[in-house]
Amino acid sequence: MVDVIVVEDNPLAQQRLGALIKPDNALNILATYYNLATARNEKRDLKPQLIVLDLKLPDVRGTEAIEALKKKYPDARLTIYTAYEHEIEILQCMAAGANGYILKDTPDERLPAELSVIANGGSTLTPRVAEKIMRHLLPAKPADSPLSERELQVLNYISLGLKYEDIAVELGISVHTVRHHIEKIYKKLDVTSRGQAVAQAVRAGIIKME
């Protein structure tokens, strides 16, 4: 049984999730919250395996909610549950630590299975989102970019949501070196977070979706 918390302000969306996240589907809702503040202020010692998060809450929008909930529940997996499918928002969420990105028009018969995949260590994207993500992220020509070739490689891995440790393995470098590259990326792009770095790089054409 997968224990789930839901952070969703829309009553109809809450009702739908409540009807699908149930023991018959090996899923169990521990708590439901209307906004991030209520979720963050939860006093009970809950141990969710999965967090289902609406991207646009009344008190916060964007990646702040992902980072806050990951900090409160570091062992939980997290999926976005939203109607929004813009490329930059998707990349920001994955870079901030989301493990999945599910659109609200996902059919009822498929949603419980996708939640289970994410809770059990997989990463799932609904088809239209997957199509956007799987387009090639192409680095700009060196003359157009303030970043070095290695920094571009690190940035592309960040955009795909890889952790520092995973980036280090992929590039054959130390975690310390990865952090150093990321600090330089932040400075050159004038940003302070992974999500901001990806968004700024897409806007500036440093990484491109084609």
N, C-alpha and C. Protein backbone atom coordinates (compact mmCIF):
# COMPACT_ATOMS: atom_id res chain seq x y z
N MET A 1 0.84 -1.19 0.00
CA MET A 1 0.00 0.00 0.00
C MET A 1 0.88 1.25 0.00
N VAL A 2 0.62 2.15 -0.91
CA VAL A 2 1.39 3.40 -1.03
C VAL A 2 0.63 4.51 -0.32
N ASP A 3 1.26 5.13 0.67
CA ASP A 3 0.66 6.24 1.39
C ASP A 3 0.93 7.56 0.66
N VAL A 4 -0.12 8.34 0.48
CA VAL A 4 -0.07 9.52 -0.38
C VAL A 4 -0.59 10.74 0.37
N ILE A 5 0.04 11.90 0.14
CA ILE A 5 -0.59 13.15 0.53
C ILE A 5 -0.86 13.96 -0.74
N VAL A 6 -1.97 14.69 -0.73
CA VAL A 6 -2.41 15.46 -1.88
C VAL A 6 -2.40 16.94 -1.50
N VAL A 7 -1.81 17.77 -2.36
CA VAL A 7 -1.84 19.22 -2.19
C VAL A 7 -2.52 19.78 -3.44
N GLU A 8 -3.79 20.12 -3.29
CA GLU A 8 -4.64 20.49 -4.44
C GLU A 8 -5.77 21.38 -3.95
N ASP A 9 -5.95 22.54 -4.58
CA ASP A 9 -6.96 23.48 -4.10
C ASP A 9 -8.31 23.34 -4.79
N ASN A 10 -8.37 22.63 -5.90
CA ASN A 10 -9.62 22.49 -6.64
C ASN A 10 -10.46 21.35 -6.06
N PRO A 11 -11.68 21.65 -5.55
CA PRO A 11 -12.51 20.60 -4.92
C PRO A 11 -12.83 19.44 -5.86
N LEU A 12 -13.08 19.73 -7.13
CA LEU A 12 -13.39 18.66 -8.07
C LEU A 12 -12.18 17.75 -8.30
N ALA A 13 -11.01 18.37 -8.40
CA ALA A 13 -9.79 17.58 -8.56
C ALA A 13 -9.52 16.75 -7.31
N GLN A 14 -9.79 17.33 -6.15
CA GLN A 14 -9.66 16.57 -4.89
C GLN A 14 -10.58 15.37 -4.88
N GLN A 15 -11.82 15.57 -5.30
CA GLN A 15 -12.78 14.47 -5.32
C GLN A 15 -12.34 13.36 -6.26
N ARG A 16 -11.83 13.77 -7.42
CA ARG A 16 -11.37 12.76 -8.39
C ARG A 16 -10.21 11.94 -7.82
N LEU A 17 -9.24 12.64 -7.24
CA LEU A 17 -8.10 11.93 -6.65
C LEU A 17 -8.55 11.02 -5.51
N GLY A 18 -9.49 11.52 -4.70
CA GLY A 18 -9.99 10.71 -3.59
C GLY A 18 -10.67 9.44 -4.05
N ALA A 19 -11.31 9.51 -5.23
CA ALA A 19 -12.00 8.33 -5.77
C ALA A 19 -11.04 7.32 -6.38
N LEU A 20 -9.86 7.79 -6.79
CA LEU A 20 -8.90 6.91 -7.46
C LEU A 20 -7.77 6.45 -6.55
N ILE A 21 -7.39 7.31 -5.59
CA ILE A 21 -6.32 6.93 -4.64
C ILE A 21 -7.00 6.21 -3.48
N LYS A 22 -7.14 4.92 -3.62
CA LYS A 22 -7.89 4.13 -2.65
C LYS A 22 -7.27 2.74 -2.53
N PRO A 23 -7.58 2.02 -1.45
CA PRO A 23 -6.96 0.71 -1.23
C PRO A 23 -7.16 -0.27 -2.39
N ASP A 24 -8.28 -0.16 -3.11
CA ASP A 24 -8.50 -1.05 -4.24
C ASP A 24 -7.41 -0.92 -5.29
N ASN A 25 -6.78 0.26 -5.34
CA ASN A 25 -5.68 0.51 -6.27
C ASN A 25 -4.32 0.50 -5.58
N ALA A 26 -4.28 -0.06 -4.36
CA ALA A 26 -3.05 -0.15 -3.56
C ALA A 26 -2.50 1.23 -3.23
N LEU A 27 -3.40 2.20 -3.08
CA LEU A 27 -3.04 3.57 -2.73
C LEU A 27 -3.90 4.04 -1.57
N ASN A 28 -3.33 4.90 -0.71
CA ASN A 28 -4.05 5.36 0.47
C ASN A 28 -3.72 6.82 0.74
N ILE A 29 -4.75 7.67 0.85
CA ILE A 29 -4.53 9.09 1.13
C ILE A 29 -4.38 9.30 2.64
N LEU A 30 -3.23 9.84 3.03
CA LEU A 30 -2.98 10.19 4.43
C LEU A 30 -3.59 11.54 4.78
N ALA A 31 -3.50 12.50 3.85
CA ALA A 31 -3.99 13.85 4.11
C ALA A 31 -4.14 14.59 2.80
N THR A 32 -5.05 15.57 2.80
CA THR A 32 -5.27 16.44 1.65
C THR A 32 -5.21 17.88 2.13
N TYR A 33 -4.51 18.73 1.37
CA TYR A 33 -4.34 20.14 1.75
C TYR A 33 -4.76 21.03 0.60
N TYR A 34 -5.29 22.22 0.95
CA TYR A 34 -5.73 23.18 -0.05
C TYR A 34 -4.61 24.12 -0.49
N ASN A 35 -3.55 24.22 0.29
CA ASN A 35 -2.46 25.13 -0.06
C ASN A 35 -1.16 24.65 0.55
N LEU A 36 -0.06 25.30 0.17
CA LEU A 36 1.25 24.88 0.65
C LEU A 36 1.41 25.15 2.13
N ALA A 37 0.92 26.29 2.61
CA ALA A 37 1.10 26.65 4.02
C ALA A 37 0.52 25.58 4.94
N THR A 38 -0.67 25.10 4.63
CA THR A 38 -1.29 24.07 5.45
C THR A 38 -0.47 22.79 5.43
N ALA A 39 0.03 22.43 4.27
CA ALA A 39 0.85 21.23 4.16
C ALA A 39 2.15 21.36 4.95
N ARG A 40 2.77 22.51 4.85
CA ARG A 40 4.04 22.73 5.56
C ARG A 40 3.84 22.75 7.07
N ASN A 41 2.67 23.19 7.51
CA ASN A 41 2.42 23.31 8.95
C ASN A 41 1.83 22.06 9.57
N GLU A 42 1.73 20.99 8.82
CA GLU A 42 1.22 19.73 9.36
C GLU A 42 2.06 19.29 10.55
N LYS A 43 1.42 19.02 11.67
CA LYS A 43 2.13 18.65 12.90
C LYS A 43 2.23 17.14 13.10
N ARG A 44 1.36 16.40 12.43
CA ARG A 44 1.42 14.95 12.58
C ARG A 44 2.68 14.39 11.92
N ASP A 45 3.17 13.29 12.45
CA ASP A 45 4.38 12.67 11.91
C ASP A 45 4.01 11.75 10.76
N LEU A 46 3.60 12.35 9.65
CA LEU A 46 3.22 11.57 8.48
C LEU A 46 4.45 11.11 7.72
N LYS A 47 4.33 9.97 7.10
CA LYS A 47 5.45 9.42 6.32
C LYS A 47 4.94 9.00 4.94
N PRO A 48 4.60 9.98 4.12
CA PRO A 48 4.10 9.64 2.78
C PRO A 48 5.19 9.06 1.90
N GLN A 49 4.78 8.17 1.03
CA GLN A 49 5.69 7.66 0.01
C GLN A 49 5.57 8.46 -1.28
N LEU A 50 4.44 9.14 -1.41
CA LEU A 50 4.20 9.91 -2.63
C LEU A 50 3.44 11.19 -2.30
N ILE A 51 3.86 12.29 -2.94
CA ILE A 51 3.16 13.58 -2.84
C ILE A 51 2.60 13.91 -4.21
N VAL A 52 1.30 14.20 -4.26
CA VAL A 52 0.65 14.63 -5.50
C VAL A 52 0.39 16.12 -5.37
N LEU A 53 1.03 16.91 -6.22
CA LEU A 53 1.07 18.36 -6.04
C LEU A 53 0.51 19.10 -7.25
N ASP A 54 -0.50 19.94 -7.00
CA ASP A 54 -0.99 20.85 -8.04
C ASP A 54 0.05 21.94 -8.23
N LEU A 55 0.30 22.31 -9.48
CA LEU A 55 1.37 23.27 -9.77
C LEU A 55 0.99 24.69 -9.39
N LYS A 56 -0.28 25.04 -9.47
CA LYS A 56 -0.73 26.41 -9.23
C LYS A 56 -1.62 26.44 -7.99
N LEU A 57 -1.04 26.70 -6.83
CA LEU A 57 -1.77 26.77 -5.58
C LEU A 57 -2.10 28.22 -5.25
N PRO A 58 -3.08 28.47 -4.37
CA PRO A 58 -3.45 29.85 -4.04
C PRO A 58 -2.32 30.67 -3.44
N ASP A 59 -1.45 30.01 -2.67
CA ASP A 59 -0.41 30.77 -1.96
C ASP A 59 0.98 30.65 -2.56
N VAL A 60 1.14 29.88 -3.61
CA VAL A 60 2.46 29.74 -4.24
C VAL A 60 2.30 29.16 -5.63
N ARG A 61 3.18 29.57 -6.52
CA ARG A 61 3.19 29.04 -7.88
C ARG A 61 4.62 28.66 -8.25
N GLY A 62 4.76 27.63 -9.08
CA GLY A 62 6.08 27.26 -9.54
C GLY A 62 6.76 26.24 -8.64
N THR A 63 8.09 26.31 -8.62
CA THR A 63 8.88 25.27 -8.00
C THR A 63 9.04 25.42 -6.49
N GLU A 64 8.63 26.53 -5.92
CA GLU A 64 8.80 26.73 -4.48
C GLU A 64 8.11 25.62 -3.68
N ALA A 65 6.94 25.21 -4.13
CA ALA A 65 6.21 24.16 -3.41
C ALA A 65 6.95 22.83 -3.49
N ILE A 66 7.53 22.52 -4.63
CA ILE A 66 8.30 21.28 -4.76
C ILE A 66 9.44 21.26 -3.77
N GLU A 67 10.21 22.34 -3.74
CA GLU A 67 11.37 22.40 -2.86
C GLU A 67 10.97 22.33 -1.39
N ALA A 68 9.86 23.00 -1.02
CA ALA A 68 9.41 23.00 0.37
C ALA A 68 8.94 21.61 0.80
N LEU A 69 8.19 20.93 -0.06
CA LEU A 69 7.67 19.61 0.31
C LEU A 69 8.77 18.55 0.29
N LYS A 70 9.72 18.70 -0.61
CA LYS A 70 10.86 17.77 -0.62
C LYS A 70 11.69 17.93 0.65
N LYS A 71 11.77 19.14 1.15
CA LYS A 71 12.51 19.38 2.38
C LYS A 71 11.77 18.79 3.58
N LYS A 72 10.44 18.92 3.61
CA LYS A 72 9.65 18.40 4.73
C LYS A 72 9.58 16.87 4.69
N TYR A 73 9.49 16.32 3.48
CA TYR A 73 9.38 14.86 3.33
C TYR A 73 10.47 14.36 2.38
N PRO A 74 11.72 14.32 2.85
CA PRO A 74 12.84 14.02 1.95
C PRO A 74 12.81 12.62 1.34
N ASP A 75 12.11 11.69 1.98
CA ASP A 75 12.07 10.33 1.47
C ASP A 75 10.91 10.08 0.52
N ALA A 76 10.04 11.07 0.36
CA ALA A 76 8.85 10.89 -0.47
C ALA A 76 9.17 11.19 -1.93
N ARG A 77 8.51 10.48 -2.82
CA ARG A 77 8.53 10.82 -4.23
C ARG A 77 7.47 11.89 -4.47
N LEU A 78 7.59 12.63 -5.56
CA LEU A 78 6.66 13.73 -5.81
C LEU A 78 6.31 13.81 -7.29
N THR A 79 5.03 13.95 -7.56
CA THR A 79 4.59 14.18 -8.93
C THR A 79 3.74 15.43 -9.01
N ILE A 80 3.93 16.16 -10.08
CA ILE A 80 3.07 17.30 -10.38
C ILE A 80 1.77 16.76 -10.99
N TYR A 81 0.65 17.37 -10.60
CA TYR A 81 -0.67 17.01 -11.14
C TYR A 81 -1.31 18.32 -11.59
N THR A 82 -1.36 18.55 -12.89
CA THR A 82 -1.67 19.89 -13.37
C THR A 82 -2.32 19.88 -14.75
N ALA A 83 -2.90 21.00 -15.11
CA ALA A 83 -3.43 21.18 -16.46
C ALA A 83 -2.42 21.90 -17.36
N TYR A 84 -1.32 22.37 -16.78
CA TYR A 84 -0.35 23.17 -17.52
C TYR A 84 0.73 22.28 -18.14
N GLU A 85 1.07 22.57 -19.40
CA GLU A 85 2.05 21.72 -20.07
C GLU A 85 3.06 22.53 -20.87
N HIS A 86 3.40 23.71 -20.38
CA HIS A 86 4.40 24.53 -21.05
C HIS A 86 5.79 23.96 -20.80
N GLU A 87 6.62 23.97 -21.83
CA GLU A 87 7.94 23.33 -21.74
C GLU A 87 8.78 23.87 -20.59
N ILE A 88 8.81 25.18 -20.42
CA ILE A 88 9.66 25.76 -19.38
C ILE A 88 9.18 25.32 -18.00
N GLU A 89 7.87 25.31 -17.78
CA GLU A 89 7.36 24.88 -16.48
C GLU A 89 7.70 23.42 -16.21
N ILE A 90 7.59 22.58 -17.23
CA ILE A 90 7.93 21.17 -17.06
C ILE A 90 9.39 21.02 -16.67
N LEU A 91 10.27 21.70 -17.39
CA LEU A 91 11.70 21.61 -17.11
C LEU A 91 12.04 22.15 -15.73
N GLN A 92 11.40 23.25 -15.34
CA GLN A 92 11.65 23.80 -14.01
C GLN A 92 11.26 22.79 -12.92
N CYS A 93 10.13 22.16 -13.10
CA CYS A 93 9.66 21.19 -12.09
C CYS A 93 10.58 19.99 -12.00
N MET A 94 11.00 19.46 -13.13
CA MET A 94 11.90 18.31 -13.11
C MET A 94 13.24 18.68 -12.49
N ALA A 95 13.72 19.88 -12.81
CA ALA A 95 14.99 20.33 -12.24
C ALA A 95 14.88 20.55 -10.74
N ALA A 96 13.70 20.95 -10.26
CA ALA A 96 13.50 21.20 -8.83
C ALA A 96 13.32 19.92 -8.03
N GLY A 97 13.17 18.79 -8.72
CA GLY A 97 13.10 17.52 -8.00
C GLY A 97 11.84 16.71 -8.19
N ALA A 98 10.93 17.15 -9.06
CA ALA A 98 9.72 16.36 -9.31
C ALA A 98 10.11 15.05 -9.99
N ASN A 99 9.43 13.97 -9.60
CA ASN A 99 9.71 12.66 -10.18
C ASN A 99 8.74 12.29 -11.29
N GLY A 100 7.67 13.07 -11.43
CA GLY A 100 6.70 12.82 -12.48
C GLY A 100 5.94 14.09 -12.79
N TYR A 101 5.26 14.10 -13.93
CA TYR A 101 4.49 15.26 -14.36
C TYR A 101 3.25 14.72 -15.07
N ILE A 102 2.12 14.73 -14.36
CA ILE A 102 0.90 14.12 -14.86
C ILE A 102 -0.14 15.19 -15.14
N LEU A 103 -0.72 15.14 -16.32
CA LEU A 103 -1.76 16.10 -16.68
C LEU A 103 -3.11 15.66 -16.13
N LYS A 104 -3.95 16.65 -15.83
CA LYS A 104 -5.23 16.35 -15.19
C LYS A 104 -6.23 15.67 -16.11
N ASP A 105 -5.96 15.67 -17.42
CA ASP A 105 -6.85 14.94 -18.31
C ASP A 105 -6.41 13.50 -18.54
N THR A 106 -5.46 13.03 -17.75
CA THR A 106 -5.07 11.61 -17.81
C THR A 106 -6.29 10.74 -17.48
N PRO A 107 -6.57 9.72 -18.29
CA PRO A 107 -7.75 8.89 -18.05
C PRO A 107 -7.74 8.23 -16.67
N ASP A 108 -8.93 8.08 -16.08
CA ASP A 108 -9.06 7.47 -14.75
C ASP A 108 -8.42 6.09 -14.69
N GLU A 109 -8.55 5.32 -15.76
CA GLU A 109 -8.03 3.95 -15.73
C GLU A 109 -6.51 3.90 -15.73
N ARG A 110 -5.85 5.00 -16.11
CA ARG A 110 -4.39 5.01 -16.16
C ARG A 110 -3.74 5.72 -14.98
N LEU A 111 -4.46 6.66 -14.37
CA LEU A 111 -3.86 7.49 -13.33
C LEU A 111 -3.33 6.69 -12.13
N PRO A 112 -4.08 5.75 -11.53
CA PRO A 112 -3.53 5.01 -10.38
C PRO A 112 -2.23 4.28 -10.71
N ALA A 113 -2.16 3.69 -11.90
CA ALA A 113 -0.95 2.96 -12.28
C ALA A 113 0.24 3.90 -12.40
N GLU A 114 0.02 5.09 -12.95
CA GLU A 114 1.12 6.04 -13.10
C GLU A 114 1.59 6.54 -11.73
N LEU A 115 0.66 6.76 -10.82
CA LEU A 115 1.04 7.16 -9.46
C LEU A 115 1.86 6.05 -8.79
N SER A 116 1.47 4.81 -8.99
CA SER A 116 2.19 3.68 -8.39
C SER A 116 3.61 3.57 -8.94
N VAL A 117 3.75 3.80 -10.25
CA VAL A 117 5.09 3.75 -10.87
C VAL A 117 6.01 4.77 -10.22
N ILE A 118 5.52 5.99 -10.05
CA ILE A 118 6.33 7.05 -9.46
C ILE A 118 6.67 6.72 -8.01
N ALA A 119 5.67 6.26 -7.24
CA ALA A 119 5.89 5.95 -5.83
C ALA A 119 6.92 4.86 -5.64
N ASN A 120 7.01 3.95 -6.60
CA ASN A 120 7.91 2.80 -6.48
C ASN A 120 9.25 3.01 -7.18
N GLY A 121 9.58 4.27 -7.44
CA GLY A 121 10.93 4.57 -7.91
C GLY A 121 11.05 4.92 -9.38
N GLY A 122 9.96 4.84 -10.12
CA GLY A 122 10.02 5.20 -11.53
C GLY A 122 9.73 6.67 -11.75
N SER A 123 9.85 7.09 -12.97
CA SER A 123 9.50 8.45 -13.35
C SER A 123 8.58 8.37 -14.56
N THR A 124 7.41 8.96 -14.45
CA THR A 124 6.46 8.86 -15.55
C THR A 124 5.99 10.24 -15.97
N LEU A 125 5.79 10.38 -17.26
CA LEU A 125 5.28 11.60 -17.85
C LEU A 125 4.11 11.22 -18.74
N THR A 126 3.02 11.97 -18.70
CA THR A 126 1.92 11.69 -19.60
C THR A 126 2.39 11.93 -21.03
N PRO A 127 1.75 11.28 -22.03
CA PRO A 127 2.30 11.29 -23.39
C PRO A 127 2.64 12.65 -23.96
N ARG A 128 1.75 13.64 -23.82
CA ARG A 128 2.05 14.95 -24.41
C ARG A 128 3.24 15.60 -23.71
N VAL A 129 3.35 15.40 -22.40
CA VAL A 129 4.49 15.94 -21.66
C VAL A 129 5.77 15.23 -22.08
N ALA A 130 5.71 13.90 -22.20
CA ALA A 130 6.89 13.14 -22.61
C ALA A 130 7.39 13.60 -23.98
N GLU A 131 6.46 13.89 -24.88
CA GLU A 131 6.85 14.34 -26.21
C GLU A 131 7.63 15.65 -26.14
N LYS A 132 7.20 16.54 -25.26
CA LYS A 132 7.90 17.82 -25.12
C LYS A 132 9.30 17.61 -24.52
N ILE A 133 9.37 16.77 -23.47
CA ILE A 133 10.64 16.54 -22.78
C ILE A 133 11.63 15.81 -23.66
N MET A 134 11.15 14.86 -24.47
CA MET A 134 12.05 14.02 -25.24
C MET A 134 12.57 14.70 -26.50
N ARG A 135 12.07 15.89 -26.80
CA ARG A 135 12.71 16.65 -27.87
C ARG A 135 14.15 16.94 -27.46
N HIS A 136 15.02 17.01 -28.44
CA HIS A 136 16.44 17.19 -28.11
C HIS A 136 16.70 18.55 -27.48
N LEU A 137 17.44 18.54 -26.37
CA LEU A 137 17.91 19.78 -25.75
C LEU A 137 19.29 20.06 -26.34
N LEU A 138 19.33 21.02 -27.21
CA LEU A 138 20.56 21.26 -27.95
C LEU A 138 21.31 22.47 -27.41
N PRO A 139 22.61 22.34 -27.09
CA PRO A 139 23.37 23.50 -26.66
C PRO A 139 23.55 24.49 -27.79
N ALA A 140 23.57 25.75 -27.45
CA ALA A 140 23.82 26.78 -28.46
C ALA A 140 25.28 26.73 -28.90
N LYS A 141 25.59 27.44 -29.97
CA LYS A 141 26.98 27.53 -30.40
C LYS A 141 27.79 28.25 -29.31
N PRO A 142 29.04 27.85 -29.11
CA PRO A 142 29.85 28.47 -28.05
C PRO A 142 29.84 30.00 -28.10
N ALA A 143 29.83 30.58 -29.29
CA ALA A 143 29.87 32.03 -29.39
C ALA A 143 28.60 32.67 -28.83
N ASP A 144 27.51 31.93 -28.80
CA ASP A 144 26.24 32.47 -28.34
C ASP A 144 26.02 32.23 -26.85
N SER A 145 26.89 31.47 -26.22
CA SER A 145 26.65 31.06 -24.84
C SER A 145 27.77 31.52 -23.92
N PRO A 146 27.40 32.00 -22.72
CA PRO A 146 28.44 32.37 -21.75
C PRO A 146 29.01 31.16 -21.03
N LEU A 147 28.43 30.00 -21.26
CA LEU A 147 28.83 28.80 -20.54
C LEU A 147 29.87 28.00 -21.31
N SER A 148 30.73 27.34 -20.55
CA SER A 148 31.70 26.45 -21.16
C SER A 148 31.01 25.16 -21.62
N GLU A 149 31.71 24.36 -22.42
CA GLU A 149 31.14 23.10 -22.89
C GLU A 149 30.74 22.21 -21.72
N ARG A 150 31.58 22.12 -20.69
CA ARG A 150 31.27 21.29 -19.52
C ARG A 150 30.07 21.84 -18.75
N GLU A 151 30.01 23.18 -18.64
CA GLU A 151 28.87 23.78 -17.95
C GLU A 151 27.58 23.52 -18.70
N LEU A 152 27.63 23.51 -20.04
CA LEU A 152 26.45 23.17 -20.84
C LEU A 152 26.01 21.73 -20.59
N GLN A 153 26.98 20.83 -20.47
CA GLN A 153 26.65 19.44 -20.17
C GLN A 153 25.96 19.33 -18.82
N VAL A 154 26.50 20.01 -17.83
CA VAL A 154 25.90 19.98 -16.49
C VAL A 154 24.50 20.58 -16.52
N LEU A 155 24.34 21.68 -17.23
CA LEU A 155 23.03 22.33 -17.31
C LEU A 155 21.99 21.43 -17.97
N ASN A 156 22.38 20.72 -19.01
CA ASN A 156 21.44 19.81 -19.66
C ASN A 156 21.01 18.69 -18.71
N TYR A 157 21.95 18.18 -17.92
CA TYR A 157 21.59 17.15 -16.95
C TYR A 157 20.68 17.73 -15.87
N ILE A 158 20.93 18.96 -15.45
CA ILE A 158 20.06 19.61 -14.48
C ILE A 158 18.64 19.71 -15.03
N SER A 159 18.54 20.07 -16.31
CA SER A 159 17.22 20.25 -16.93
C SER A 159 16.43 18.94 -16.96
N LEU A 160 17.12 17.82 -16.92
CA LEU A 160 16.46 16.51 -16.92
C LEU A 160 16.19 16.00 -15.51
N GLY A 161 16.54 16.82 -14.51
CA GLY A 161 16.21 16.47 -13.13
C GLY A 161 17.21 15.58 -12.42
N LEU A 162 18.41 15.39 -12.98
CA LEU A 162 19.39 14.53 -12.32
C LEU A 162 19.93 15.18 -11.06
N LYS A 163 20.20 14.35 -10.05
CA LYS A 163 20.82 14.81 -8.83
C LYS A 163 22.31 15.04 -9.07
N TYR A 164 22.93 15.80 -8.16
CA TYR A 164 24.36 16.08 -8.31
C TYR A 164 25.18 14.78 -8.41
N GLU A 165 24.82 13.81 -7.58
CA GLU A 165 25.56 12.55 -7.57
C GLU A 165 25.45 11.83 -8.91
N ASP A 166 24.25 11.87 -9.52
CA ASP A 166 24.04 11.21 -10.81
C ASP A 166 24.80 11.94 -11.92
N ILE A 167 24.83 13.27 -11.85
CA ILE A 167 25.57 14.04 -12.85
C ILE A 167 27.06 13.70 -12.75
N ALA A 168 27.55 13.58 -11.52
CA ALA A 168 28.96 13.25 -11.32
C ALA A 168 29.30 11.91 -11.97
N VAL A 169 28.42 10.93 -11.80
CA VAL A 169 28.65 9.60 -12.38
C VAL A 169 28.64 9.69 -13.91
N GLU A 170 27.65 10.41 -14.46
CA GLU A 170 27.52 10.50 -15.91
C GLU A 170 28.74 11.16 -16.54
N LEU A 171 29.31 12.17 -15.86
CA LEU A 171 30.43 12.92 -16.43
C LEU A 171 31.79 12.43 -15.96
N GLY A 172 31.79 11.49 -15.00
CA GLY A 172 33.06 10.97 -14.50
C GLY A 172 33.85 11.97 -13.70
N ILE A 173 33.14 12.82 -12.94
CA ILE A 173 33.79 13.83 -12.11
C ILE A 173 33.25 13.72 -10.70
N SER A 174 33.82 14.47 -9.77
CA SER A 174 33.37 14.42 -8.38
C SER A 174 32.14 15.29 -8.17
N VAL A 175 31.41 14.99 -7.10
CA VAL A 175 30.25 15.81 -6.74
C VAL A 175 30.69 17.25 -6.45
N HIS A 176 31.86 17.38 -5.82
CA HIS A 176 32.39 18.72 -5.54
C HIS A 176 32.58 19.51 -6.83
N THR A 177 33.08 18.85 -7.86
CA THR A 177 33.28 19.53 -9.15
C THR A 177 31.95 19.90 -9.78
N VAL A 178 30.96 19.02 -9.65
CA VAL A 178 29.62 19.33 -10.16
C VAL A 178 29.09 20.59 -9.49
N ARG A 179 29.22 20.66 -8.16
CA ARG A 179 28.75 21.83 -7.42
C ARG A 179 29.47 23.10 -7.87
N HIS A 180 30.76 22.96 -8.14
CA HIS A 180 31.54 24.11 -8.60
C HIS A 180 31.02 24.60 -9.95
N HIS A 181 30.75 23.66 -10.86
CA HIS A 181 30.21 24.04 -12.17
C HIS A 181 28.86 24.73 -12.01
N ILE A 182 28.02 24.21 -11.13
CA ILE A 182 26.68 24.79 -10.93
C ILE A 182 26.78 26.19 -10.35
N GLU A 183 27.70 26.40 -9.43
CA GLU A 183 27.90 27.75 -8.89
C GLU A 183 28.27 28.73 -10.01
N LYS A 184 29.13 28.28 -10.91
CA LYS A 184 29.54 29.13 -12.02
C LYS A 184 28.37 29.39 -12.98
N ILE A 185 27.54 28.37 -13.20
CA ILE A 185 26.36 28.54 -14.05
C ILE A 185 25.42 29.58 -13.45
N TYR A 186 25.17 29.45 -12.14
CA TYR A 186 24.28 30.41 -11.46
C TYR A 186 24.81 31.84 -11.61
N LYS A 187 26.11 31.98 -11.43
CA LYS A 187 26.72 33.32 -11.49
C LYS A 187 26.61 33.89 -12.90
N LYS A 188 26.90 33.07 -13.91
CA LYS A 188 26.88 33.56 -15.28
C LYS A 188 25.47 33.88 -15.75
N LEU A 189 24.48 33.12 -15.27
CA LEU A 189 23.09 33.35 -15.69
C LEU A 189 22.35 34.28 -14.74
N ASP A 190 23.01 34.66 -13.64
CA ASP A 190 22.41 35.56 -12.64
C ASP A 190 21.13 34.96 -12.06
N VAL A 191 21.24 33.72 -11.60
CA VAL A 191 20.10 33.02 -11.00
C VAL A 191 20.54 32.40 -9.68
N THR A 192 19.56 31.86 -8.92
CA THR A 192 19.88 31.31 -7.61
C THR A 192 19.33 29.91 -7.38
N SER A 193 18.73 29.29 -8.41
CA SER A 193 18.19 27.94 -8.24
C SER A 193 18.26 27.18 -9.54
N ARG A 194 18.10 25.85 -9.43
CA ARG A 194 18.13 24.99 -10.62
C ARG A 194 17.02 25.37 -11.60
N GLY A 195 15.80 25.54 -11.06
CA GLY A 195 14.68 25.88 -11.92
C GLY A 195 14.88 27.18 -12.66
N GLN A 196 15.40 28.20 -11.94
CA GLN A 196 15.67 29.48 -12.58
C GLN A 196 16.74 29.34 -13.67
N ALA A 197 17.74 28.52 -13.40
CA ALA A 197 18.82 28.33 -14.37
C ALA A 197 18.29 27.73 -15.67
N VAL A 198 17.43 26.72 -15.54
CA VAL A 198 16.87 26.08 -16.74
C VAL A 198 15.99 27.05 -17.50
N ALA A 199 15.12 27.76 -16.79
CA ALA A 199 14.22 28.70 -17.45
C ALA A 199 14.99 29.80 -18.17
N GLN A 200 16.01 30.34 -17.50
CA GLN A 200 16.81 31.41 -18.11
C GLN A 200 17.57 30.89 -19.33
N ALA A 201 18.08 29.67 -19.23
CA ALA A 201 18.83 29.09 -20.35
C ALA A 201 17.93 28.87 -21.56
N VAL A 202 16.68 28.43 -21.33
CA VAL A 202 15.75 28.24 -22.44
C VAL A 202 15.39 29.58 -23.06
N ARG A 203 15.09 30.58 -22.21
CA ARG A 203 14.73 31.90 -22.73
C ARG A 203 15.88 32.52 -23.53
N ALA A 204 17.11 32.28 -23.08
CA ALA A 204 18.27 32.88 -23.74
C ALA A 204 18.74 32.06 -24.94
N GLY A 205 18.15 30.90 -25.16
CA GLY A 205 18.55 30.07 -26.29
C GLY A 205 19.81 29.27 -26.03
N ILE A 206 20.22 29.19 -24.76
CA ILE A 206 21.43 28.41 -24.43
C ILE A 206 21.15 26.93 -24.54
N ILE A 207 19.95 26.52 -24.12
CA ILE A 207 19.47 25.18 -24.44
C ILE A 207 18.18 25.37 -25.21
N LYS A 208 17.97 24.51 -26.20
CA LYS A 208 16.83 24.67 -27.08
C LYS A 208 16.05 23.37 -27.18
N MET A 209 14.74 23.50 -27.28
CA MET A 209 13.89 22.33 -27.49
C MET A 209 13.46 22.30 -28.94
N GLU A 210 13.81 21.21 -29.62
CA GLU A 210 13.45 21.11 -31.03
C GLU A 210 12.83 19.74 -31.27
